[in-house]
Amino acid sequence: MSFFGGGGYQQQQQQINPQNIAMAEQELEMVTDLFNRIVDSCHKKCISREYDQNDLSQGEAVCIDRCVAKFIEVNTKVGEKMQQVGGQQQQQQ
């Protein structure tokens, strides 16, 4: 007998679907890749190579905010378009 509900933990482990784990891992990789691309792109565009101050300047902060917003907006639009194209291809089959 378990302190956590009579062995429910072992039952939960047996019910884990390996396909769901693989999908979650793939999604995590995609989010990590997106984050890294945003950081690389916006850092190159907005942050001076000469670090004069400890904190971001107001101009750098505004640039980063705009850069991230645009990156996410474009990424969302591209994803939506790809889903539309994929849906149309499935309907044609």
PDB file of N, CA and C in Angstrom:
ATOM      1  N   MET A   1       0.839  -1.178   0.000  1.00  0.00           N
ATOM      2  CA  MET A   1       0.000   0.000   0.000  1.00  0.00           C
ATOM      3  C   MET A   1       0.884   1.242   0.000  1.00  0.00           C
ATOM      4  N   SER A   2       0.494   2.224  -0.783  1.00  0.00           N
ATOM      5  CA  SER A   2       1.279   3.438  -0.934  1.00  0.00           C
ATOM      6  C   SER A   2       0.680   4.564  -0.113  1.00  0.00           C
ATOM      7  N   PHE A   3       1.530   5.498   0.275  1.00  0.00           N
ATOM      8  CA  PHE A   3       1.062   6.693   0.964  1.00  0.00           C
ATOM      9  C   PHE A   3       0.354   7.648   0.006  1.00  0.00           C
ATOM     10  N   PHE A   4       0.514   7.443  -1.290  1.00  0.00           N
ATOM     11  CA  PHE A   4      -0.032   8.340  -2.290  1.00  0.00           C
ATOM     12  C   PHE A   4      -1.225   7.735  -3.028  1.00  0.00           C
ATOM     13  N   GLY A   5      -2.088   7.108  -2.354  1.00  0.00           N
ATOM     14  CA  GLY A   5      -3.325   6.649  -2.969  1.00  0.00           C
ATOM     15  C   GLY A   5      -3.326   5.203  -3.401  1.00  0.00           C
ATOM     16  N   GLY A   6      -2.660   4.347  -2.720  1.00  0.00           N
ATOM     17  CA  GLY A   6      -2.764   2.921  -2.976  1.00  0.00           C
ATOM     18  C   GLY A   6      -2.103   2.454  -4.255  1.00  0.00           C
ATOM     19  N   GLY A   7      -0.928   2.938  -4.547  1.00  0.00           N
ATOM     20  CA  GLY A   7      -0.193   2.444  -5.707  1.00  0.00           C
ATOM     21  C   GLY A   7      -0.588   3.110  -7.012  1.00  0.00           C
ATOM     22  N   GLY A   8      -1.245   4.228  -6.962  1.00  0.00           N
ATOM     23  CA  GLY A   8      -1.668   4.929  -8.170  1.00  0.00           C
ATOM     24  C   GLY A   8      -0.504   5.369  -9.032  1.00  0.00           C
ATOM     25  N   TYR A   9       0.620   5.615  -8.412  1.00  0.00           N
ATOM     26  CA  TYR A   9       1.799   6.053  -9.169  1.00  0.00           C
ATOM     27  C   TYR A   9       2.241   4.979 -10.142  1.00  0.00           C
ATOM     28  N   GLN A  10       2.233   3.740  -9.713  1.00  0.00           N
ATOM     29  CA  GLN A  10       2.635   2.651 -10.603  1.00  0.00           C
ATOM     30  C   GLN A  10       1.636   2.499 -11.742  1.00  0.00           C
ATOM     31  N   GLN A  11       0.368   2.694 -11.474  1.00  0.00           N
ATOM     32  CA  GLN A  11      -0.643   2.609 -12.519  1.00  0.00           C
ATOM     33  C   GLN A  11      -0.461   3.732 -13.533  1.00  0.00           C
ATOM     34  N   GLN A  12      -0.110   4.935 -13.053  1.00  0.00           N
ATOM     35  CA  GLN A  12       0.105   6.050 -13.962  1.00  0.00           C
ATOM     36  C   GLN A  12       1.301   5.782 -14.865  1.00  0.00           C
ATOM     37  N   GLN A  13       2.352   5.195 -14.312  1.00  0.00           N
ATOM     38  CA  GLN A  13       3.526   4.898 -15.115  1.00  0.00           C
ATOM     39  C   GLN A  13       3.193   3.911 -16.225  1.00  0.00           C
ATOM     40  N   GLN A  14       2.342   2.945 -15.944  1.00  0.00           N
ATOM     41  CA  GLN A  14       1.973   1.957 -16.939  1.00  0.00           C
ATOM     42  C   GLN A  14       1.091   2.558 -18.025  1.00  0.00           C
ATOM     43  N   GLN A  15       0.391   3.646 -17.730  1.00  0.00           N
ATOM     44  CA  GLN A  15      -0.524   4.252 -18.692  1.00  0.00           C
ATOM     45  C   GLN A  15       0.146   5.313 -19.570  1.00  0.00           C
ATOM     46  N   ILE A  16       1.403   5.603 -19.342  1.00  0.00           N
ATOM     47  CA  ILE A  16       2.100   6.601 -20.146  1.00  0.00           C
ATOM     48  C   ILE A  16       2.291   6.066 -21.554  1.00  0.00           C
ATOM     49  N   ASN A  17       1.894   6.868 -22.507  1.00  0.00           N
ATOM     50  CA  ASN A  17       1.969   6.481 -23.907  1.00  0.00           C
ATOM     51  C   ASN A  17       3.304   6.959 -24.478  1.00  0.00           C
ATOM     52  N   PRO A  18       4.138   6.065 -24.978  1.00  0.00           N
ATOM     53  CA  PRO A  18       5.429   6.476 -25.538  1.00  0.00           C
ATOM     54  C   PRO A  18       5.288   7.460 -26.698  1.00  0.00           C
ATOM     55  N   GLN A  19       4.196   7.362 -27.444  1.00  0.00           N
ATOM     56  CA  GLN A  19       3.974   8.293 -28.543  1.00  0.00           C
ATOM     57  C   GLN A  19       3.777   9.712 -28.015  1.00  0.00           C
ATOM     58  N   ASN A  20       3.052   9.856 -26.887  1.00  0.00           N
ATOM     59  CA  ASN A  20       2.854  11.174 -26.289  1.00  0.00           C
ATOM     60  C   ASN A  20       4.172  11.754 -25.796  1.00  0.00           C
ATOM     61  N   ILE A  21       5.017  10.908 -25.246  1.00  0.00           N
ATOM     62  CA  ILE A  21       6.329  11.364 -24.789  1.00  0.00           C
ATOM     63  C   ILE A  21       7.161  11.844 -25.970  1.00  0.00           C
ATOM     64  N   ALA A  22       7.150  11.099 -27.053  1.00  0.00           N
ATOM     65  CA  ALA A  22       7.905  11.489 -28.248  1.00  0.00           C
ATOM     66  C   ALA A  22       7.383  12.809 -28.807  1.00  0.00           C
ATOM     67  N   MET A  23       6.071  12.991 -28.810  1.00  0.00           N
ATOM     68  CA  MET A  23       5.491  14.242 -29.302  1.00  0.00           C
ATOM     69  C   MET A  23       5.876  15.408 -28.394  1.00  0.00           C
ATOM     70  N   ALA A  24       5.860  15.193 -27.087  1.00  0.00           N
ATOM     71  CA  ALA A  24       6.245  16.241 -26.139  1.00  0.00           C
ATOM     72  C   ALA A  24       7.718  16.601 -26.301  1.00  0.00           C
ATOM     73  N   GLU A  25       8.566  15.598 -26.513  1.00  0.00           N
ATOM     74  CA  GLU A  25       9.991  15.862 -26.721  1.00  0.00           C
ATOM     75  C   GLU A  25      10.209  16.655 -28.005  1.00  0.00           C
ATOM     76  N   GLN A  26       9.478  16.300 -29.053  1.00  0.00           N
ATOM     77  CA  GLN A  26       9.602  17.008 -30.321  1.00  0.00           C
ATOM     78  C   GLN A  26       9.140  18.459 -30.175  1.00  0.00           C
ATOM     79  N   GLU A  27       8.048  18.666 -29.456  1.00  0.00           N
ATOM     80  CA  GLU A  27       7.547  20.021 -29.237  1.00  0.00           C
ATOM     81  C   GLU A  27       8.552  20.842 -28.424  1.00  0.00           C
ATOM     82  N   LEU A  28       9.163  20.222 -27.425  1.00  0.00           N
ATOM     83  CA  LEU A  28      10.171  20.908 -26.625  1.00  0.00           C
ATOM     84  C   LEU A  28      11.364  21.309 -27.489  1.00  0.00           C
ATOM     85  N   GLU A  29      11.786  20.436 -28.372  1.00  0.00           N
ATOM     86  CA  GLU A  29      12.891  20.751 -29.281  1.00  0.00           C
ATOM     87  C   GLU A  29      12.527  21.915 -30.194  1.00  0.00           C
ATOM     88  N   MET A  30      11.293  21.942 -30.680  1.00  0.00           N
ATOM     89  CA  MET A  30      10.859  23.024 -31.565  1.00  0.00           C
ATOM     90  C   MET A  30      10.811  24.358 -30.822  1.00  0.00           C
ATOM     91  N   VAL A  31      10.314  24.347 -29.601  1.00  0.00           N
ATOM     92  CA  VAL A  31      10.239  25.578 -28.806  1.00  0.00           C
ATOM     93  C   VAL A  31      11.650  26.063 -28.466  1.00  0.00           C
ATOM     94  N   THR A  32      12.520  25.149 -28.121  1.00  0.00           N
ATOM     95  CA  THR A  32      13.904  25.507 -27.814  1.00  0.00           C
ATOM     96  C   THR A  32      14.591  26.094 -29.040  1.00  0.00           C
ATOM     97  N   ASP A  33      14.355  25.483 -30.199  1.00  0.00           N
ATOM     98  CA  ASP A  33      14.935  26.000 -31.441  1.00  0.00           C
ATOM     99  C   ASP A  33      14.410  27.396 -31.737  1.00  0.00           C
ATOM    100  N   LEU A  34      13.114  27.609 -31.584  1.00  0.00           N
ATOM    101  CA  LEU A  34      12.518  28.926 -31.816  1.00  0.00           C
ATOM    102  C   LEU A  34      13.137  29.954 -30.877  1.00  0.00           C
ATOM    103  N   PHE A  35      13.251  29.612 -29.607  1.00  0.00           N
ATOM    104  CA  PHE A  35      13.843  30.519 -28.630  1.00  0.00           C
ATOM    105  C   PHE A  35      15.268  30.883 -29.030  1.00  0.00           C
ATOM    106  N   ASN A  36      16.065  29.881 -29.390  1.00  0.00           N
ATOM    107  CA  ASN A  36      17.461  30.132 -29.761  1.00  0.00           C
ATOM    108  C   ASN A  36      17.566  31.005 -31.013  1.00  0.00           C
ATOM    109  N   ARG A  37      16.683  30.782 -31.989  1.00  0.00           N
ATOM    110  CA  ARG A  37      16.705  31.610 -33.194  1.00  0.00           C
ATOM    111  C   ARG A  37      16.309  33.051 -32.887  1.00  0.00           C
ATOM    112  N   ILE A  38      15.325  33.236 -32.005  1.00  0.00           N
ATOM    113  CA  ILE A  38      14.930  34.586 -31.602  1.00  0.00           C
ATOM    114  C   ILE A  38      16.086  35.282 -30.903  1.00  0.00           C
ATOM    115  N   VAL A  39      16.718  34.604 -29.968  1.00  0.00           N
ATOM    116  CA  VAL A  39      17.828  35.200 -29.227  1.00  0.00           C
ATOM    117  C   VAL A  39      18.955  35.591 -30.182  1.00  0.00           C
ATOM    118  N   ASP A  40      19.344  34.679 -31.059  1.00  0.00           N
ATOM    119  CA  ASP A  40      20.437  34.963 -31.993  1.00  0.00           C
ATOM    120  C   ASP A  40      20.097  36.142 -32.901  1.00  0.00           C
ATOM    121  N   SER A  41      18.921  36.094 -33.504  1.00  0.00           N
ATOM    122  CA  SER A  41      18.538  37.120 -34.463  1.00  0.00           C
ATOM    123  C   SER A  41      18.395  38.488 -33.804  1.00  0.00           C
ATOM    124  N   CYS A  42      17.659  38.550 -32.718  1.00  0.00           N
ATOM    125  CA  CYS A  42      17.399  39.843 -32.074  1.00  0.00           C
ATOM    126  C   CYS A  42      18.653  40.393 -31.392  1.00  0.00           C
ATOM    127  N   HIS A  43      19.509  39.532 -30.900  1.00  0.00           N
ATOM    128  CA  HIS A  43      20.760  39.996 -30.293  1.00  0.00           C
ATOM    129  C   HIS A  43      21.633  40.655 -31.355  1.00  0.00           C
ATOM    130  N   LYS A  44      21.736  40.020 -32.514  1.00  0.00           N
ATOM    131  CA  LYS A  44      22.551  40.595 -33.598  1.00  0.00           C
ATOM    132  C   LYS A  44      22.001  41.931 -34.067  1.00  0.00           C
ATOM    133  N   LYS A  45      20.679  42.049 -34.123  1.00  0.00           N
ATOM    134  CA  LYS A  45      20.063  43.265 -34.644  1.00  0.00           C
ATOM    135  C   LYS A  45      20.039  44.401 -33.626  1.00  0.00           C
ATOM    136  N   CYS A  46      19.917  44.082 -32.344  1.00  0.00           N
ATOM    137  CA  CYS A  46      19.577  45.113 -31.360  1.00  0.00           C
ATOM    138  C   CYS A  46      20.666  45.446 -30.345  1.00  0.00           C
ATOM    139  N   ILE A  47      21.585  44.558 -30.107  1.00  0.00           N
ATOM    140  CA  ILE A  47      22.568  44.773 -29.045  1.00  0.00           C
ATOM    141  C   ILE A  47      23.904  45.156 -29.657  1.00  0.00           C
ATOM    142  N   SER A  48      24.454  46.252 -29.181  1.00  0.00           N
ATOM    143  CA  SER A  48      25.762  46.703 -29.645  1.00  0.00           C
ATOM    144  C   SER A  48      26.836  45.706 -29.229  1.00  0.00           C
ATOM    145  N   ARG A  49      27.843  45.574 -30.055  1.00  0.00           N
ATOM    146  CA  ARG A  49      28.945  44.663 -29.734  1.00  0.00           C
ATOM    147  C   ARG A  49      29.819  45.208 -28.615  1.00  0.00           C
ATOM    148  N   GLU A  50      29.749  46.497 -28.392  1.00  0.00           N
ATOM    149  CA  GLU A  50      30.504  47.132 -27.312  1.00  0.00           C
ATOM    150  C   GLU A  50      29.575  47.324 -26.123  1.00  0.00           C
ATOM    151  N   TYR A  51      29.876  46.623 -25.065  1.00  0.00           N
ATOM    152  CA  TYR A  51      29.040  46.702 -23.869  1.00  0.00           C
ATOM    153  C   TYR A  51      29.520  47.846 -22.988  1.00  0.00           C
ATOM    154  N   ASP A  52      28.838  48.987 -23.086  1.00  0.00           N
ATOM    155  CA  ASP A  52      29.206  50.155 -22.289  1.00  0.00           C
ATOM    156  C   ASP A  52      28.502  50.158 -20.931  1.00  0.00           C
ATOM    157  N   GLN A  53      27.336  49.541 -20.865  1.00  0.00           N
ATOM    158  CA  GLN A  53      26.501  49.604 -19.664  1.00  0.00           C
ATOM    159  C   GLN A  53      26.143  48.190 -19.214  1.00  0.00           C
ATOM    160  N   ASN A  54      25.792  48.080 -17.950  1.00  0.00           N
ATOM    161  CA  ASN A  54      25.361  46.783 -17.419  1.00  0.00           C
ATOM    162  C   ASN A  54      23.975  46.400 -17.919  1.00  0.00           C
ATOM    163  N   ASP A  55      23.127  47.384 -18.079  1.00  0.00           N
ATOM    164  CA  ASP A  55      21.734  47.139 -18.479  1.00  0.00           C
ATOM    165  C   ASP A  55      21.541  47.529 -19.939  1.00  0.00           C
ATOM    166  N   LEU A  56      20.426  47.074 -20.502  1.00  0.00           N
ATOM    167  CA  LEU A  56      20.067  47.473 -21.855  1.00  0.00           C
ATOM    168  C   LEU A  56      19.699  48.946 -21.876  1.00  0.00           C
ATOM    169  N   SER A  57      20.042  49.619 -22.950  1.00  0.00           N
ATOM    170  CA  SER A  57      19.575  50.988 -23.121  1.00  0.00           C
ATOM    171  C   SER A  57      18.100  50.937 -23.503  1.00  0.00           C
ATOM    172  N   GLN A  58      17.445  52.079 -23.438  1.00  0.00           N
ATOM    173  CA  GLN A  58      16.028  52.113 -23.807  1.00  0.00           C
ATOM    174  C   GLN A  58      15.853  51.721 -25.272  1.00  0.00           C
ATOM    175  N   GLY A  59      16.736  52.200 -26.124  1.00  0.00           N
ATOM    176  CA  GLY A  59      16.660  51.860 -27.546  1.00  0.00           C
ATOM    177  C   GLY A  59      16.834  50.372 -27.780  1.00  0.00           C
ATOM    178  N   GLU A  60      17.776  49.748 -27.078  1.00  0.00           N
ATOM    179  CA  GLU A  60      17.991  48.307 -27.212  1.00  0.00           C
ATOM    180  C   GLU A  60      16.774  47.524 -26.736  1.00  0.00           C
ATOM    181  N   ALA A  61      16.201  47.953 -25.623  1.00  0.00           N
ATOM    182  CA  ALA A  61      15.032  47.262 -25.077  1.00  0.00           C
ATOM    183  C   ALA A  61      13.841  47.352 -26.025  1.00  0.00           C
ATOM    184  N   VAL A  62      13.620  48.530 -26.600  1.00  0.00           N
ATOM    185  CA  VAL A  62      12.514  48.710 -27.553  1.00  0.00           C
ATOM    186  C   VAL A  62      12.761  47.854 -28.791  1.00  0.00           C
ATOM    187  N   CYS A  63      14.003  47.860 -29.275  1.00  0.00           N
ATOM    188  CA  CYS A  63      14.348  47.059 -30.451  1.00  0.00           C
ATOM    189  C   CYS A  63      14.089  45.576 -30.188  1.00  0.00           C
ATOM    190  N   ILE A  64      14.494  45.095 -29.038  1.00  0.00           N
ATOM    191  CA  ILE A  64      14.294  43.680 -28.706  1.00  0.00           C
ATOM    192  C   ILE A  64      12.808  43.352 -28.612  1.00  0.00           C
ATOM    193  N   ASP A  65      12.030  44.226 -27.970  1.00  0.00           N
ATOM    194  CA  ASP A  65      10.579  43.997 -27.878  1.00  0.00           C
ATOM    195  C   ASP A  65       9.955  43.874 -29.268  1.00  0.00           C
ATOM    196  N   ARG A  66      10.318  44.791 -30.149  1.00  0.00           N
ATOM    197  CA  ARG A  66       9.759  44.774 -31.507  1.00  0.00           C
ATOM    198  C   ARG A  66      10.239  43.544 -32.281  1.00  0.00           C
ATOM    199  N   CYS A  67      11.518  43.231 -32.132  1.00  0.00           N
ATOM    200  CA  CYS A  67      12.096  42.094 -32.848  1.00  0.00           C
ATOM    201  C   CYS A  67      11.414  40.791 -32.439  1.00  0.00           C
ATOM    202  N   VAL A  68      11.252  40.587 -31.153  1.00  0.00           N
ATOM    203  CA  VAL A  68      10.621  39.357 -30.661  1.00  0.00           C
ATOM    204  C   VAL A  68       9.166  39.294 -31.119  1.00  0.00           C
ATOM    205  N   ALA A  69       8.459  40.417 -31.026  1.00  0.00           N
ATOM    206  CA  ALA A  69       7.051  40.439 -31.448  1.00  0.00           C
ATOM    207  C   ALA A  69       6.924  40.092 -32.930  1.00  0.00           C
ATOM    208  N   LYS A  70       7.789  40.680 -33.764  1.00  0.00           N
ATOM    209  CA  LYS A  70       7.741  40.386 -35.197  1.00  0.00           C
ATOM    210  C   LYS A  70       8.102  38.935 -35.480  1.00  0.00           C
ATOM    211  N   PHE A  71       9.111  38.433 -34.804  1.00  0.00           N
ATOM    212  CA  PHE A  71       9.552  37.061 -35.014  1.00  0.00           C
ATOM    213  C   PHE A  71       8.419  36.092 -34.695  1.00  0.00           C
ATOM    214  N   ILE A  72       7.757  36.308 -33.568  1.00  0.00           N
ATOM    215  CA  ILE A  72       6.665  35.414 -33.159  1.00  0.00           C
ATOM    216  C   ILE A  72       5.475  35.551 -34.106  1.00  0.00           C
ATOM    217  N   GLU A  73       5.165  36.790 -34.516  1.00  0.00           N
ATOM    218  CA  GLU A  73       4.045  36.999 -35.441  1.00  0.00           C
ATOM    219  C   GLU A  73       4.288  36.282 -36.770  1.00  0.00           C
ATOM    220  N   VAL A  74       5.480  36.429 -37.305  1.00  0.00           N
ATOM    221  CA  VAL A  74       5.809  35.770 -38.571  1.00  0.00           C
ATOM    222  C   VAL A  74       5.800  34.260 -38.406  1.00  0.00           C
ATOM    223  N   ASN A  75       6.359  33.772 -37.314  1.00  0.00           N
ATOM    224  CA  ASN A  75       6.380  32.336 -37.063  1.00  0.00           C
ATOM    225  C   ASN A  75       4.961  31.776 -36.975  1.00  0.00           C
ATOM    226  N   THR A  76       4.076  32.505 -36.332  1.00  0.00           N
ATOM    227  CA  THR A  76       2.674  32.085 -36.209  1.00  0.00           C
ATOM    228  C   THR A  76       1.995  32.055 -37.577  1.00  0.00           C
ATOM    229  N   LYS A  77       2.212  33.097 -38.371  1.00  0.00           N
ATOM    230  CA  LYS A  77       1.596  33.156 -39.702  1.00  0.00           C
ATOM    231  C   LYS A  77       2.108  32.034 -40.598  1.00  0.00           C
ATOM    232  N   VAL A  78       3.389  31.774 -40.549  1.00  0.00           N
ATOM    233  CA  VAL A  78       3.961  30.691 -41.357  1.00  0.00           C
ATOM    234  C   VAL A  78       3.377  29.350 -40.917  1.00  0.00           C
ATOM    235  N   GLY A  79       3.275  29.136 -39.605  1.00  0.00           N
ATOM    236  CA  GLY A  79       2.686  27.893 -39.100  1.00  0.00           C
ATOM    237  C   GLY A  79       1.250  27.707 -39.530  1.00  0.00           C
ATOM    238  N   GLU A  80       0.468  28.794 -39.479  1.00  0.00           N
ATOM    239  CA  GLU A  80      -0.930  28.717 -39.910  1.00  0.00           C
ATOM    240  C   GLU A  80      -1.028  28.392 -41.395  1.00  0.00           C
ATOM    241  N   LYS A  81      -0.190  29.030 -42.192  1.00  0.00           N
ATOM    242  CA  LYS A  81      -0.209  28.783 -43.637  1.00  0.00           C
ATOM    243  C   LYS A  81       0.185  27.339 -43.937  1.00  0.00           C
ATOM    244  N   MET A  82       1.180  26.837 -43.233  1.00  0.00           N
ATOM    245  CA  MET A  82       1.599  25.448 -43.445  1.00  0.00           C
ATOM    246  C   MET A  82       0.481  24.482 -43.070  1.00  0.00           C
ATOM    247  N   GLN A  83      -0.275  24.784 -42.014  1.00  0.00           N
ATOM    248  CA  GLN A  83      -1.396  23.928 -41.637  1.00  0.00           C
ATOM    249  C   GLN A  83      -2.478  23.966 -42.709  1.00  0.00           C
ATOM    250  N   GLN A  84      -2.737  25.142 -43.274  1.00  0.00           N
ATOM    251  CA  GLN A  84      -3.734  25.252 -44.341  1.00  0.00           C
ATOM    252  C   GLN A  84      -3.313  24.427 -45.550  1.00  0.00           C
ATOM    253  N   VAL A  85      -2.066  24.552 -45.951  1.00  0.00           N
ATOM    254  CA  VAL A  85      -1.568  23.807 -47.109  1.00  0.00           C
ATOM    255  C   VAL A  85      -1.619  22.309 -46.830  1.00  0.00           C
ATOM    256  N   GLY A  86      -1.227  21.909 -45.623  1.00  0.00           N
ATOM    257  CA  GLY A  86      -1.275  20.495 -45.248  1.00  0.00           C
ATOM    258  C   GLY A  86      -2.697  19.973 -45.239  1.00  0.00           C
ATOM    259  N   GLY A  87      -3.649  20.775 -44.757  1.00  0.00           N
ATOM    260  CA  GLY A  87      -5.049  20.376 -44.753  1.00  0.00           C
ATOM    261  C   GLY A  87      -5.606  20.233 -46.166  1.00  0.00           C
ATOM    262  N   GLN A  88      -5.214  21.131 -47.048  1.00  0.00           N
ATOM    263  CA  GLN A  88      -5.677  21.065 -48.429  1.00  0.00           C
ATOM    264  C   GLN A  88      -5.117  19.817 -49.129  1.00  0.00           C
ATOM    265  N   GLN A  89      -3.869  19.489 -48.852  1.00  0.00           N
ATOM    266  CA  GLN A  89      -3.264  18.308 -49.456  1.00  0.00           C
ATOM    267  C   GLN A  89      -3.946  17.041 -48.962  1.00  0.00           C
ATOM    268  N   GLN A  90      -4.331  17.003 -47.691  1.00  0.00           N
ATOM    269  CA  GLN A  90      -5.017  15.813 -47.158  1.00  0.00           C
ATOM    270  C   GLN A  90      -6.400  15.686 -47.781  1.00  0.00           C
ATOM    271  N   GLN A  91      -7.076  16.797 -48.013  1.00  0.00           N
ATOM    272  CA  GLN A  91      -8.408  16.741 -48.616  1.00  0.00           C
ATOM    273  C   GLN A  91      -8.358  16.249 -50.057  1.00  0.00           C
ATOM    274  N   GLN A  92      -7.265  16.536 -50.758  1.00  0.00           N
ATOM    275  CA  GLN A  92      -7.122  16.144 -52.145  1.00  0.00           C
ATOM    276  C   GLN A  92      -6.838  14.651 -52.277  1.00  0.00           C
ATOM    277  N   GLN A  93      -6.347  14.038 -51.235  1.00  0.00           N
ATOM    278  CA  GLN A  93      -5.992  12.623 -51.306  1.00  0.00           C
ATOM    279  C   GLN A  93      -7.160  11.758 -51.112  1.00  0.00           C
TER     280      GLN A  93
END
